Amino acid sequence: MSQRVNCHKDFDFQVDVTIPNTAGVLATPAAGVITALKMRLAATRNGTAIHADVDALSASERAGQAARFYVSVDKAKLETHILTLGVGAPFFAVWSKTGDMDMENVRYLVDDGTNVA
């Protein structure tokens, strides 16, 4: 199920990261282990960014939540670049970190506030 994004409000895109441990099993790394994680908003899975304003956005790790990263995108960028895709249109948050996480994507739906709080 895809989450709807009200393009008339700021929105935090978020992802939880796991990496292989010494036994090769995916595990949640300790806080601060993953750095330089980036996100872009794309119209297609693993596609190029919709616009330079929503490309290569630096992610931050949530305080007290190891390996949970977010990127805040303000409503001006959402209204300008995402809402124009059309209400109900899918788009993707594509996360990447060379060597750790390449092309992880999360599907969202464009909304204008009529379907979300």
Protein backbone atom coordinates (compact mmCIF):
# COMPACT_ATOMS: atom_id res chain seq x y z
CA MET A 1 0.00 0.00 0.00
CA SER A 2 1.34 3.43 -0.95
CA GLN A 3 1.30 6.38 1.39
CA ARG A 4 -0.36 9.55 0.13
CA VAL A 5 1.67 12.76 0.31
CA ASN A 6 -0.22 16.02 0.78
CA CYS A 7 1.79 18.33 -1.46
CA HIS A 8 0.44 21.39 0.35
CA LYS A 9 2.43 20.51 3.51
CA ASP A 10 6.07 19.78 4.26
CA PHE A 11 6.70 16.01 4.27
CA ASP A 12 9.36 13.75 5.81
CA PHE A 13 10.31 10.85 3.56
CA GLN A 14 11.77 8.07 5.67
CA VAL A 15 13.55 4.74 5.29
CA ASP A 16 14.99 2.11 7.65
CA VAL A 17 18.40 0.77 6.62
CA THR A 18 19.78 -2.72 7.19
CA ILE A 19 23.23 -3.95 6.16
CA PRO A 20 24.88 -7.38 6.24
CA ASN A 21 26.58 -8.16 9.55
CA THR A 22 29.73 -10.29 9.87
CA ALA A 23 27.61 -13.45 9.40
CA GLY A 24 26.09 -12.05 6.20
CA VAL A 25 22.66 -11.57 7.79
CA LEU A 26 20.86 -8.27 7.32
CA ALA A 27 20.83 -6.34 10.57
CA THR A 28 20.20 -2.82 11.82
CA PRO A 29 23.53 -1.02 12.15
CA ALA A 30 24.39 1.05 15.19
CA ALA A 31 23.67 4.76 15.07
CA GLY A 32 26.22 6.70 13.04
CA VAL A 33 27.47 3.72 11.01
CA ILE A 34 25.68 4.76 7.80
CA THR A 35 26.64 8.18 6.46
CA ALA A 36 26.12 10.13 3.23
CA LEU A 37 22.74 8.56 2.42
CA LYS A 38 20.93 10.42 -0.39
CA MET A 39 17.36 10.48 -1.71
CA ARG A 40 15.76 11.68 -4.92
CA LEU A 41 12.13 11.88 -5.98
CA ALA A 42 11.45 10.16 -9.28
CA ALA A 43 8.38 9.50 -11.41
CA THR A 44 9.45 5.88 -11.96
CA ARG A 45 11.06 3.17 -9.84
CA ASN A 46 14.84 3.86 -9.84
CA GLY A 47 14.31 6.67 -12.37
CA THR A 48 16.10 9.97 -12.56
CA ALA A 49 15.02 12.85 -10.36
CA ILE A 50 11.90 14.73 -11.40
CA HIS A 51 13.85 17.99 -11.00
CA ALA A 52 17.23 19.12 -9.64
CA ASP A 53 15.41 20.57 -6.60
CA VAL A 54 14.47 17.03 -5.51
CA ASP A 55 17.71 15.25 -6.45
CA ALA A 56 20.60 14.09 -4.25
CA LEU A 57 18.93 15.31 -1.06
CA SER A 58 21.01 14.50 2.03
CA ALA A 59 19.33 12.28 4.61
CA SER A 60 19.60 12.64 8.37
CA GLU A 61 19.46 9.84 10.91
CA ARG A 62 16.62 10.25 13.41
CA ALA A 63 17.83 10.93 16.92
CA GLY A 64 17.43 7.86 19.10
CA GLN A 65 16.42 5.65 16.14
CA ALA A 66 19.48 3.89 14.73
CA ALA A 67 19.41 3.42 10.96
CA ARG A 68 16.12 5.32 10.46
CA PHE A 69 16.77 8.11 7.99
CA TYR A 70 14.63 10.95 6.73
CA VAL A 71 14.62 13.80 4.27
CA SER A 72 12.27 16.74 4.81
CA VAL A 73 10.91 18.20 1.58
CA ASP A 74 9.14 21.52 1.90
CA LYS A 75 5.70 22.19 0.47
CA ALA A 76 7.03 24.64 -2.16
CA LYS A 77 9.08 21.86 -3.79
CA LEU A 78 6.21 19.37 -3.47
CA GLU A 79 3.71 21.81 -5.01
CA THR A 80 6.07 22.79 -7.82
CA HIS A 81 7.52 19.42 -8.79
CA ILE A 82 5.30 16.63 -7.41
CA LEU A 83 1.73 17.96 -7.46
CA THR A 84 2.14 18.62 -11.19
CA LEU A 85 2.27 14.83 -11.73
CA GLY A 86 -1.45 14.82 -10.91
CA VAL A 87 -3.46 13.78 -7.88
CA GLY A 88 -3.29 10.01 -7.47
CA ALA A 89 -0.14 9.62 -9.59
CA PRO A 90 2.57 7.40 -8.16
CA PHE A 91 6.10 8.65 -7.55
CA PHE A 92 9.10 7.19 -5.76
CA ALA A 93 11.58 8.14 -3.08
CA VAL A 94 14.79 6.53 -4.32
CA TRP A 95 17.44 6.08 -1.63
CA SER A 96 21.07 5.31 -2.35
CA LYS A 97 24.41 4.93 -0.65
CA THR A 98 27.18 3.38 -2.71
CA GLY A 99 28.33 0.13 -1.13
CA ASP A 100 25.52 -0.04 1.42
CA MET A 101 22.20 0.70 -0.22
CA ASP A 102 21.76 1.12 -3.94
CA MET A 103 18.43 2.03 -5.49
CA GLU A 104 16.07 1.22 -2.61
CA ASN A 105 12.74 2.81 -3.49
CA VAL A 106 9.49 3.54 -1.72
CA ARG A 107 6.26 4.24 -3.64
CA TYR A 108 4.05 7.21 -2.75
CA LEU A 109 0.93 8.79 -4.24
CA VAL A 110 0.43 12.47 -5.03
CA ASP A 111 -2.32 14.14 -3.04
CA ASP A 112 -3.62 17.70 -2.74
CA GLY A 113 -4.93 17.37 0.81
CA THR A 114 -8.40 16.16 -0.08
CA ASN A 115 -7.57 12.53 0.75
CA VAL A 116 -5.12 12.91 3.66
CA ALA A 117 -5.15 14.79 6.96
